[in-house]
C-alpha atoms as a PDB file:
ATOM      1  CA  MET A   1     -35.214  -5.207 -27.246  1.00  0.00           C
ATOM      2  CA  MET A   2     -32.828  -2.248 -27.474  1.00  0.00           C
ATOM      3  CA  THR A   3     -29.818  -2.423 -25.160  1.00  0.00           C
ATOM      4  CA  ARG A   4     -29.283   0.381 -22.767  1.00  0.00           C
ATOM      5  CA  PRO A   5     -26.365   2.019 -24.597  1.00  0.00           C
ATOM      6  CA  ILE A   6     -28.363   2.227 -27.859  1.00  0.00           C
ATOM      7  CA  LEU A   7     -31.394   3.553 -25.945  1.00  0.00           C
ATOM      8  CA  ALA A   8     -29.265   6.272 -24.348  1.00  0.00           C
ATOM      9  CA  VAL A   9     -28.045   7.384 -27.805  1.00  0.00           C
ATOM     10  CA  ALA A  10     -31.612   7.349 -29.118  1.00  0.00           C
ATOM     11  CA  LEU A  11     -32.802   9.438 -26.165  1.00  0.00           C
ATOM     12  CA  ALA A  12     -30.051  11.932 -26.682  1.00  0.00           C
ATOM     13  CA  ALA A  13     -31.100  12.285 -30.317  1.00  0.00           C
ATOM     14  CA  LEU A  14     -34.714  12.738 -29.457  1.00  0.00           C
ATOM     15  CA  LEU A  15     -33.894  15.466 -26.990  1.00  0.00           C
ATOM     16  CA  LEU A  16     -32.626  17.582 -29.793  1.00  0.00           C
ATOM     17  CA  VAL A  17     -36.145  18.022 -31.238  1.00  0.00           C
ATOM     18  CA  PRO A  18     -39.235  19.653 -29.697  1.00  0.00           C
ATOM     19  CA  TYR A  19     -41.633  17.495 -27.688  1.00  0.00           C
ATOM     20  CA  GLY A  20     -44.942  18.237 -25.972  1.00  0.00           C
ATOM     21  CA  ALA A  21     -46.932  21.352 -26.866  1.00  0.00           C
ATOM     22  CA  ALA A  22     -45.836  23.352 -29.845  1.00  0.00           C
ATOM     23  CA  ALA A  23     -43.640  26.389 -29.036  1.00  0.00           C
ATOM     24  CA  ALA A  24     -42.544  29.444 -30.951  1.00  0.00           C
ATOM     25  CA  PRO A  25     -39.189  28.839 -32.651  1.00  0.00           C
ATOM     26  CA  LEU A  26     -36.227  30.203 -30.797  1.00  0.00           C
ATOM     27  CA  SER A  27     -32.832  31.067 -32.104  1.00  0.00           C
ATOM     28  CA  PRO A  28     -29.683  30.091 -30.144  1.00  0.00           C
ATOM     29  CA  ASP A  29     -28.992  33.774 -29.538  1.00  0.00           C
ATOM     30  CA  GLU A  30     -32.265  34.073 -27.696  1.00  0.00           C
ATOM     31  CA  VAL A  31     -31.452  31.178 -25.408  1.00  0.00           C
ATOM     32  CA  VAL A  32     -27.787  31.534 -24.533  1.00  0.00           C
ATOM     33  CA  GLN A  33     -25.117  34.257 -24.603  1.00  0.00           C
ATOM     34  CA  ALA A  34     -21.428  33.491 -24.021  1.00  0.00           C
ATOM     35  CA  GLU A  35     -18.356  35.385 -23.068  1.00  0.00           C
ATOM     36  CA  VAL A  36     -14.748  34.730 -21.922  1.00  0.00           C
ATOM     37  CA  LEU A  37     -13.880  36.297 -18.564  1.00  0.00           C
ATOM     38  CA  PRO A  38     -10.167  37.107 -18.894  1.00  0.00           C
ATOM     39  CA  GLY A  39      -9.262  36.522 -15.232  1.00  0.00           C
ATOM     40  CA  TRP A  40      -5.701  36.682 -13.966  1.00  0.00           C
ATOM     41  CA  GLN A  41      -2.229  35.146 -14.144  1.00  0.00           C
ATOM     42  CA  THR A  42      -1.588  32.698 -11.353  1.00  0.00           C
ATOM     43  CA  PRO A  43       1.696  32.473  -9.406  1.00  0.00           C
ATOM     44  CA  GLU A  44       2.382  29.242 -11.353  1.00  0.00           C
ATOM     45  CA  GLY A  45       2.282  31.191 -14.628  1.00  0.00           C
ATOM     46  CA  THR A  46      -1.056  29.789 -15.808  1.00  0.00           C
ATOM     47  CA  ARG A  47      -4.059  31.962 -16.689  1.00  0.00           C
ATOM     48  CA  MET A  48      -7.233  31.484 -14.691  1.00  0.00           C
ATOM     49  CA  ALA A  49     -10.059  32.598 -16.948  1.00  0.00           C
ATOM     50  CA  ALA A  50     -13.659  31.431 -17.358  1.00  0.00           C
ATOM     51  CA  LEU A  51     -16.391  30.715 -19.834  1.00  0.00           C
ATOM     52  CA  HIS A  52     -19.583  32.529 -18.769  1.00  0.00           C
ATOM     53  CA  LEU A  53     -22.827  31.131 -20.194  1.00  0.00           C
ATOM     54  CA  HIS A  54     -25.954  33.165 -19.549  1.00  0.00           C
ATOM     55  CA  LEU A  55     -29.152  31.236 -20.298  1.00  0.00           C
ATOM     56  CA  ALA A  56     -32.685  32.565 -20.768  1.00  0.00           C
ATOM     57  CA  ASP A  57     -35.125  31.962 -17.875  1.00  0.00           C
ATOM     58  CA  HIS A  58     -35.930  28.257 -17.267  1.00  0.00           C
ATOM     59  CA  TRP A  59     -33.240  26.987 -19.657  1.00  0.00           C
ATOM     60  CA  LYS A  60     -30.381  24.792 -18.587  1.00  0.00           C
ATOM     61  CA  THR A  61     -27.191  23.290 -19.980  1.00  0.00           C
ATOM     62  CA  TYR A  62     -25.150  20.271 -18.990  1.00  0.00           C
ATOM     63  CA  TRP A  63     -22.220  19.182 -16.794  1.00  0.00           C
ATOM     64  CA  ARG A  64     -19.222  17.326 -18.216  1.00  0.00           C
ATOM     65  CA  SER A  65     -21.109  14.036 -17.571  1.00  0.00           C
ATOM     66  CA  PRO A  66     -24.774  14.961 -18.379  1.00  0.00           C
ATOM     67  CA  GLY A  67     -26.663  11.948 -17.014  1.00  0.00           C
ATOM     68  CA  ASP A  68     -29.384   9.878 -18.627  1.00  0.00           C
ATOM     69  CA  ALA A  69     -30.862  12.659 -20.751  1.00  0.00           C
ATOM     70  CA  GLY A  70     -28.254  15.187 -21.550  1.00  0.00           C
ATOM     71  CA  VAL A  71     -25.683  16.304 -24.158  1.00  0.00           C
ATOM     72  CA  PRO A  72     -22.059  16.381 -23.060  1.00  0.00           C
ATOM     73  CA  PRO A  73     -20.229  19.619 -23.833  1.00  0.00           C
ATOM     74  CA  ALA A  74     -17.363  19.436 -26.367  1.00  0.00           C
ATOM     75  CA  PHE A  75     -14.500  21.922 -26.733  1.00  0.00           C
ATOM     76  CA  ASP A  76     -12.190  22.345 -29.725  1.00  0.00           C
ATOM     77  CA  TRP A  77      -9.136  24.638 -29.010  1.00  0.00           C
ATOM     78  CA  SER A  78      -7.320  23.895 -32.257  1.00  0.00           C
ATOM     79  CA  GLY A  79      -7.350  27.537 -33.378  1.00  0.00           C
ATOM     80  CA  SER A  80      -5.568  28.799 -30.248  1.00  0.00           C
ATOM     81  CA  LEU A  81      -2.024  30.145 -30.079  1.00  0.00           C
ATOM     82  CA  ASN A  82       0.625  29.657 -27.389  1.00  0.00           C
ATOM     83  CA  LEU A  83      -1.613  27.188 -25.625  1.00  0.00           C
ATOM     84  CA  GLN A  84      -0.090  24.046 -24.156  1.00  0.00           C
ATOM     85  CA  LYS A  85      -2.792  22.716 -21.776  1.00  0.00           C
ATOM     86  CA  VAL A  86      -6.356  23.409 -20.710  1.00  0.00           C
ATOM     87  CA  ALA A  87      -7.772  22.418 -17.250  1.00  0.00           C
ATOM     88  CA  PHE A  88     -11.433  22.758 -16.362  1.00  0.00           C
ATOM     89  CA  HIS A  89     -12.617  23.553 -12.803  1.00  0.00           C
ATOM     90  CA  TRP A  90     -16.316  22.452 -12.937  1.00  0.00           C
ATOM     91  CA  PRO A  91     -18.483  23.952 -10.206  1.00  0.00           C
ATOM     92  CA  ARG A  92     -20.984  21.782  -8.383  1.00  0.00           C
ATOM     93  CA  PRO A  93     -23.897  20.880 -10.735  1.00  0.00           C
ATOM     94  CA  THR A  94     -27.554  20.232 -10.054  1.00  0.00           C
ATOM     95  CA  VAL A  95     -29.520  17.025 -10.773  1.00  0.00           C
ATOM     96  CA  PHE A  96     -32.659  17.604 -12.781  1.00  0.00           C
ATOM     97  CA  ASP A  97     -35.583  15.204 -13.582  1.00  0.00           C
ATOM     98  CA  LEU A  98     -36.639  15.387 -17.241  1.00  0.00           C
ATOM     99  CA  ASN A  99     -39.674  13.192 -17.943  1.00  0.00           C
ATOM    100  CA  GLY A 100     -38.450  10.598 -15.522  1.00  0.00           C
ATOM    101  CA  MET A 101     -34.887  10.723 -16.705  1.00  0.00           C
ATOM    102  CA  GLU A 102     -31.966  12.124 -14.756  1.00  0.00           C
ATOM    103  CA  SER A 103     -29.786  14.916 -16.144  1.00  0.00           C
ATOM    104  CA  VAL A 104     -26.980  16.880 -14.529  1.00  0.00           C
ATOM    105  CA  GLY A 105     -26.246  20.501 -15.241  1.00  0.00           C
ATOM    106  CA  TYR A 106     -26.789  24.159 -14.612  1.00  0.00           C
ATOM    107  CA  MET A 107     -29.833  26.439 -14.745  1.00  0.00           C
ATOM    108  CA  HIS A 108     -29.754  30.064 -15.957  1.00  0.00           C
ATOM    109  CA  ASP A 109     -25.969  30.732 -15.520  1.00  0.00           C
ATOM    110  CA  LEU A 110     -22.759  28.792 -15.768  1.00  0.00           C
ATOM    111  CA  VAL A 111     -19.364  30.318 -14.875  1.00  0.00           C
ATOM    112  CA  LEU A 112     -16.859  27.534 -15.781  1.00  0.00           C
ATOM    113  CA  PRO A 113     -13.298  28.450 -14.629  1.00  0.00           C
ATOM    114  CA  ILE A 114     -10.757  27.339 -17.210  1.00  0.00           C
ATOM    115  CA  GLU A 115      -6.978  27.314 -16.503  1.00  0.00           C
ATOM    116  CA  PHE A 116      -4.746  27.825 -19.516  1.00  0.00           C
ATOM    117  CA  THR A 117      -1.107  26.866 -19.524  1.00  0.00           C
ATOM    118  CA  PRO A 118       0.957  28.724 -22.160  1.00  0.00           C
ATOM    119  CA  LYS A 119       3.581  27.029 -24.239  1.00  0.00           C
ATOM    120  CA  THR A 120       5.826  30.042 -23.715  1.00  0.00           C
ATOM    121  CA  PRO A 121       5.454  31.450 -20.221  1.00  0.00           C
ATOM    122  CA  GLY A 122       4.949  35.164 -19.919  1.00  0.00           C
ATOM    123  CA  GLN A 123       3.677  35.503 -23.465  1.00  0.00           C
ATOM    124  CA  PRO A 124      -0.003  36.199 -24.480  1.00  0.00           C
ATOM    125  CA  VAL A 125      -2.375  33.238 -24.966  1.00  0.00           C
ATOM    126  CA  THR A 126      -4.742  33.624 -27.935  1.00  0.00           C
ATOM    127  CA  VAL A 127      -7.783  31.489 -27.141  1.00  0.00           C
ATOM    128  CA  LYS A 128      -9.964  30.387 -30.079  1.00  0.00           C
ATOM    129  CA  ALA A 129     -12.565  27.744 -29.379  1.00  0.00           C
ATOM    130  CA  THR A 130     -15.541  26.024 -30.881  1.00  0.00           C
ATOM    131  CA  VAL A 131     -17.894  24.831 -28.080  1.00  0.00           C
ATOM    132  CA  ASP A 132     -20.784  22.482 -28.690  1.00  0.00           C
ATOM    133  CA  ILE A 133     -23.430  22.365 -25.935  1.00  0.00           C
ATOM    134  CA  GLY A 134     -26.964  21.204 -25.475  1.00  0.00           C
ATOM    135  CA  VAL A 135     -29.593  23.536 -23.912  1.00  0.00           C
ATOM    136  CA  CYS A 136     -33.040  22.488 -22.717  1.00  0.00           C
ATOM    137  CA  ASN A 137     -36.308  23.826 -21.504  1.00  0.00           C
ATOM    138  CA  ASP A 138     -39.633  22.414 -22.897  1.00  0.00           C
ATOM    139  CA  ILE A 139     -37.631  21.737 -25.988  1.00  0.00           C
ATOM    140  CA  CYS A 140     -33.917  20.969 -26.413  1.00  0.00           C
ATOM    141  CA  MET A 141     -31.537  22.165 -29.024  1.00  0.00           C
ATOM    142  CA  PRO A 142     -27.787  21.873 -29.880  1.00  0.00           C
ATOM    143  CA  VAL A 143     -25.855  25.128 -29.789  1.00  0.00           C
ATOM    144  CA  GLN A 144     -22.414  25.802 -31.276  1.00  0.00           C
ATOM    145  CA  LEU A 145     -20.481  28.780 -29.813  1.00  0.00           C
ATOM    146  CA  THR A 146     -17.394  30.377 -31.299  1.00  0.00           C
ATOM    147  CA  LEU A 147     -15.213  32.156 -28.737  1.00  0.00           C
ATOM    148  CA  SER A 148     -12.003  34.163 -28.988  1.00  0.00           C
ATOM    149  CA  ALA A 149      -9.920  36.172 -26.550  1.00  0.00           C
ATOM    150  CA  VAL A 150      -6.362  37.380 -26.112  1.00  0.00           C
ATOM    151  CA  LEU A 151      -5.184  36.737 -22.529  1.00  0.00           C
ATOM    152  CA  ASP A 152      -2.286  39.039 -21.761  1.00  0.00           C
ATOM    153  CA  GLY A 153      -0.705  40.697 -18.803  1.00  0.00           C
ATOM    154  CA  ALA A 154      -1.332  40.085 -15.106  1.00  0.00           C
ATOM    155  CA  GLY A 155      -5.097  40.614 -15.316  1.00  0.00           C
ATOM    156  CA  ALA A 156      -6.999  41.092 -12.100  1.00  0.00           C
ATOM    157  CA  PRO A 157      -8.827  38.791  -9.597  1.00  0.00           C
ATOM    158  CA  ASP A 158     -12.464  38.416 -10.638  1.00  0.00           C
ATOM    159  CA  PRO A 159     -15.018  37.793  -7.843  1.00  0.00           C
ATOM    160  CA  VAL A 160     -17.308  35.963 -10.340  1.00  0.00           C
ATOM    161  CA  ILE A 161     -14.574  33.424 -11.152  1.00  0.00           C
ATOM    162  CA  ARG A 162     -13.611  33.182  -7.505  1.00  0.00           C
ATOM    163  CA  ALA A 163     -17.239  32.406  -6.536  1.00  0.00           C
ATOM    164  CA  ALA A 164     -17.339  29.637  -9.186  1.00  0.00           C
ATOM    165  CA  LEU A 165     -14.037  28.208  -7.898  1.00  0.00           C
ATOM    166  CA  ASP A 166     -15.502  28.109  -4.430  1.00  0.00           C
ATOM    167  CA  LYS A 167     -18.234  25.766  -5.789  1.00  0.00           C
ATOM    168  CA  VAL A 168     -15.762  23.193  -7.180  1.00  0.00           C
ATOM    169  CA  PRO A 169     -16.202  19.863  -5.371  1.00  0.00           C
ATOM    170  CA  THR A 170     -13.803  19.288  -2.455  1.00  0.00           C
ATOM    171  CA  PRO A 171     -11.238  16.525  -2.908  1.00  0.00           C
ATOM    172  CA  ALA A 172     -11.859  13.447  -0.775  1.00  0.00           C
ATOM    173  CA  ASP A 173      -8.732  13.946   1.408  1.00  0.00           C
ATOM    174  CA  LYS A 174      -9.970  17.417   2.419  1.00  0.00           C
ATOM    175  CA  ALA A 175     -13.649  16.527   2.905  1.00  0.00           C
ATOM    176  CA  GLY A 176     -13.463  14.202   5.815  1.00  0.00           C
ATOM    177  CA  VAL A 177     -13.476  10.944   3.753  1.00  0.00           C
ATOM    178  CA  THR A 178     -11.899   8.303   6.004  1.00  0.00           C
ATOM    179  CA  GLY A 179     -12.131   5.410   3.534  1.00  0.00           C
ATOM    180  CA  PHE A 180     -13.966   4.120   0.501  1.00  0.00           C
ATOM    181  CA  THR A 181     -14.129   0.923  -1.513  1.00  0.00           C
ATOM    182  CA  CYS A 182     -15.878  -0.320  -4.664  1.00  0.00           C
ATOM    183  CA  SER A 183     -17.197  -3.787  -5.575  1.00  0.00           C
ATOM    184  CA  VAL A 184     -18.116  -4.853  -9.054  1.00  0.00           C
ATOM    185  CA  THR A 185     -20.765  -7.419  -9.997  1.00  0.00           C
ATOM    186  CA  PRO A 186     -21.308  -8.597 -13.581  1.00  0.00           C
ATOM    187  CA  ILE A 187     -24.780  -7.989 -15.057  1.00  0.00           C
ATOM    188  CA  LYS A 188     -26.155  -9.072 -18.404  1.00  0.00           C
ATOM    189  CA  ASP A 189     -25.020  -6.039 -20.366  1.00  0.00           C
ATOM    190  CA  GLY A 190     -22.202  -4.660 -18.232  1.00  0.00           C
ATOM    191  CA  VAL A 191     -21.346  -4.427 -14.553  1.00  0.00           C
ATOM    192  CA  HIS A 192     -22.994  -3.067 -11.415  1.00  0.00           C
ATOM    193  CA  LEU A 193     -20.729  -0.915  -9.262  1.00  0.00           C
ATOM    194  CA  THR A 194     -21.305  -0.433  -5.547  1.00  0.00           C
ATOM    195  CA  ALA A 195     -19.321   2.183  -3.686  1.00  0.00           C
ATOM    196  CA  ARG A 196     -19.151   2.425   0.081  1.00  0.00           C
ATOM    197  CA  ILE A 197     -17.842   5.797   1.238  1.00  0.00           C
ATOM    198  CA  ALA A 198     -17.072   6.783   4.867  1.00  0.00           C
ATOM    199  CA  LEU A 199     -18.186  10.387   4.429  1.00  0.00           C
ATOM    200  CA  PRO A 200     -19.898  12.839   6.774  1.00  0.00           C
ATOM    201  CA  PRO A 201     -23.444  13.752   5.597  1.00  0.00           C
ATOM    202  CA  GLN A 202     -23.325  16.427   2.904  1.00  0.00           C
ATOM    203  CA  GLY A 203     -26.794  17.806   3.672  1.00  0.00           C
ATOM    204  CA  GLY A 204     -30.149  17.192   1.988  1.00  0.00           C
ATOM    205  CA  GLN A 205     -30.681  14.437  -0.533  1.00  0.00           C
ATOM    206  CA  GLU A 206     -27.204  13.057  -1.414  1.00  0.00           C
ATOM    207  CA  THR A 207     -26.573  12.015  -4.967  1.00  0.00           C
ATOM    208  CA  ALA A 208     -23.564  10.099  -6.280  1.00  0.00           C
ATOM    209  CA  LEU A 209     -22.457  10.668  -9.808  1.00  0.00           C
ATOM    210  CA  PHE A 210     -20.180   8.088 -11.505  1.00  0.00           C
ATOM    211  CA  GLU A 211     -17.681   8.665 -14.351  1.00  0.00           C
ATOM    212  CA  THR A 212     -15.425   6.191 -16.011  1.00  0.00           C
ATOM    213  CA  ALA A 213     -12.353   6.829 -18.184  1.00  0.00           C
ATOM    214  CA  ASP A 214     -14.442   5.824 -21.237  1.00  0.00           C
ATOM    215  CA  PRO A 215     -17.188   8.346 -22.104  1.00  0.00           C
ATOM    216  CA  ALA A 216     -18.892   5.656 -24.231  1.00  0.00           C
ATOM    217  CA  VAL A 217     -19.784   3.682 -21.086  1.00  0.00           C
ATOM    218  CA  TRP A 218     -23.408   4.446 -20.242  1.00  0.00           C
ATOM    219  CA  VAL A 219     -24.062   5.038 -16.528  1.00  0.00           C
ATOM    220  CA  GLY A 220     -27.566   4.374 -15.211  1.00  0.00           C
ATOM    221  CA  GLY A 221     -29.566   2.724 -12.445  1.00  0.00           C
ATOM    222  CA  THR A 222     -27.922   5.034  -9.897  1.00  0.00           C
ATOM    223  CA  GLY A 223     -29.013   5.249  -6.277  1.00  0.00           C
ATOM    224  CA  SER A 224     -27.584   6.046  -2.836  1.00  0.00           C
ATOM    225  CA  ALA A 225     -28.561   5.628   0.770  1.00  0.00           C
ATOM    226  CA  ARG A 226     -26.981   6.007   4.196  1.00  0.00           C
ATOM    227  CA  ASP A 227     -25.785   2.952   6.163  1.00  0.00           C
ATOM    228  CA  GLY A 228     -24.615   4.270   9.506  1.00  0.00           C
ATOM    229  CA  GLY A 229     -21.724   6.677   8.861  1.00  0.00           C
ATOM    230  CA  ASP A 230     -21.264   5.402   5.305  1.00  0.00           C
ATOM    231  CA  LEU A 231     -22.869   6.463   2.047  1.00  0.00           C
ATOM    232  CA  VAL A 232     -23.572   3.450  -0.147  1.00  0.00           C
ATOM    233  CA  ALA A 233     -24.085   4.268  -3.796  1.00  0.00           C
ATOM    234  CA  GLY A 234     -24.522   2.118  -6.871  1.00  0.00           C
ATOM    235  CA  ALA A 235     -24.783   2.354 -10.633  1.00  0.00           C
ATOM    236  CA  ASP A 236     -25.025   0.130 -13.721  1.00  0.00           C
ATOM    237  CA  LEU A 237     -22.118   0.629 -16.192  1.00  0.00           C
ATOM    238  CA  VAL A 238     -22.872  -0.514 -19.696  1.00  0.00           C
ATOM    239  CA  PRO A 239     -20.212  -0.369 -22.466  1.00  0.00           C
ATOM    240  CA  SER A 240     -20.971  -0.002 -26.130  1.00  0.00           C
ATOM    241  CA  GLU A 241     -20.716  -3.765 -26.684  1.00  0.00           C
ATOM    242  CA  ALA A 242     -23.331  -4.323 -23.946  1.00  0.00           C
ATOM    243  CA  ALA A 243     -21.410  -7.090 -22.146  1.00  0.00           C
ATOM    244  CA  PRO A 244     -19.594  -7.534 -18.805  1.00  0.00           C
ATOM    245  CA  PHE A 245     -16.155  -5.856 -18.919  1.00  0.00           C
ATOM    246  CA  VAL A 246     -13.076  -5.261 -16.747  1.00  0.00           C
ATOM    247  CA  LEU A 247     -13.533  -1.913 -14.996  1.00  0.00           C
ATOM    248  CA  ASP A 248     -10.376   0.102 -14.272  1.00  0.00           C
ATOM    249  CA  ARG A 249     -11.234   1.341 -10.778  1.00  0.00           C
ATOM    250  CA  SER A 250      -8.156   3.572 -10.662  1.00  0.00           C
ATOM    251  CA  LYS A 251      -9.740   5.805 -13.289  1.00  0.00           C
ATOM    252  CA  LEU A 252     -13.154   6.053 -11.776  1.00  0.00           C
ATOM    253  CA  THR A 253     -14.420   9.400 -10.490  1.00  0.00           C
ATOM    254  CA  ILE A 254     -17.325   9.628  -8.022  1.00  0.00           C
ATOM    255  CA  THR A 255     -18.840  13.037  -7.230  1.00  0.00           C
ATOM    256  CA  VAL A 256     -21.145  13.160  -4.207  1.00  0.00           C
ATOM    257  CA  LEU A 257     -23.557  16.087  -4.326  1.00  0.00           C
ATOM    258  CA  GLY A 258     -25.145  17.439  -1.152  1.00  0.00           C
ATOM    259  CA  GLN A 259     -27.480  20.288  -0.441  1.00  0.00           C
ATOM    260  CA  ASP A 260     -24.902  23.047  -0.815  1.00  0.00           C
ATOM    261  CA  ARG A 261     -21.588  21.275  -1.230  1.00  0.00           C
ATOM    262  CA  ALA A 262     -19.936  18.374  -3.076  1.00  0.00           C
ATOM    263  CA  VAL A 263     -17.024  15.923  -2.720  1.00  0.00           C
ATOM    264  CA  GLU A 264     -14.942  14.381  -5.483  1.00  0.00           C
ATOM    265  CA  LEU A 265     -13.264  10.980  -5.142  1.00  0.00           C
ATOM    266  CA  ARG A 266     -10.804   9.716  -7.784  1.00  0.00           C
ATOM    267  CA  GLY A 267      -9.933   6.074  -8.081  1.00  0.00           C
ATOM    268  CA  CYS A 268     -11.802   3.477  -5.887  1.00  0.00           C
ATOM    269  CA  PRO A 269     -10.035   0.548  -4.244  1.00  0.00           C
ATOM    270  CA  ALA A 270     -11.543  -2.896  -4.400  1.00  0.00           C
ATOM    271  CA  GLY A 271     -13.742  -3.837  -1.565  1.00  0.00           C
END
């Protein structure tokens, strides 16, 4: 029997080829267009810009942690000039069901605010990036984007970027979280994590998304339910060696999605 990490890799590979009814071939240019929104210089001297992806109707792309059946985005900034650091401000994603598998991402449009820190403050930043993403509809395909932009001067506030920043999950300390703990139980091929979060209801069906410091750890078997004023959420965490392991709770990220808002918790004390 295949272990869950191997199965997850196999599924990701299968999702890059057509399935179901035959469809007319599409080129990446017909599915997704990309641009860099130049944004503005912040009071801290960084540059708040954004990657804007516009997808054809009914197509979607993936969040930083794509779920059971997605392709994580990858960014290569090695061709850039005067660039010291890059920080992503991911807006609240949506959870999709794809043939019974859960994926996490964005439909039709993604404005991803990106904050660039220059090596030499006050000087232009030349951004050159290769971006690898997956896009899906009835078929899925990998897409590689090549982007370039010169970010210079003060720029100007952009309402499109501002709107995306407004959708970034709220940190726990500003979202009414009064406490949270995590317990870990060994399972055959990894560990099961249970989080108890004292959090006001976020509206609609609440979904908890778990991320570890190691992207090779497969996350599955997720579920959440209310227990009084607490949200109790769980997930199976399976490493590449498919065996119980020591989880570093301090590097765990939990994102709770509600109907129209989200909360992000970093680190999770033992409970």
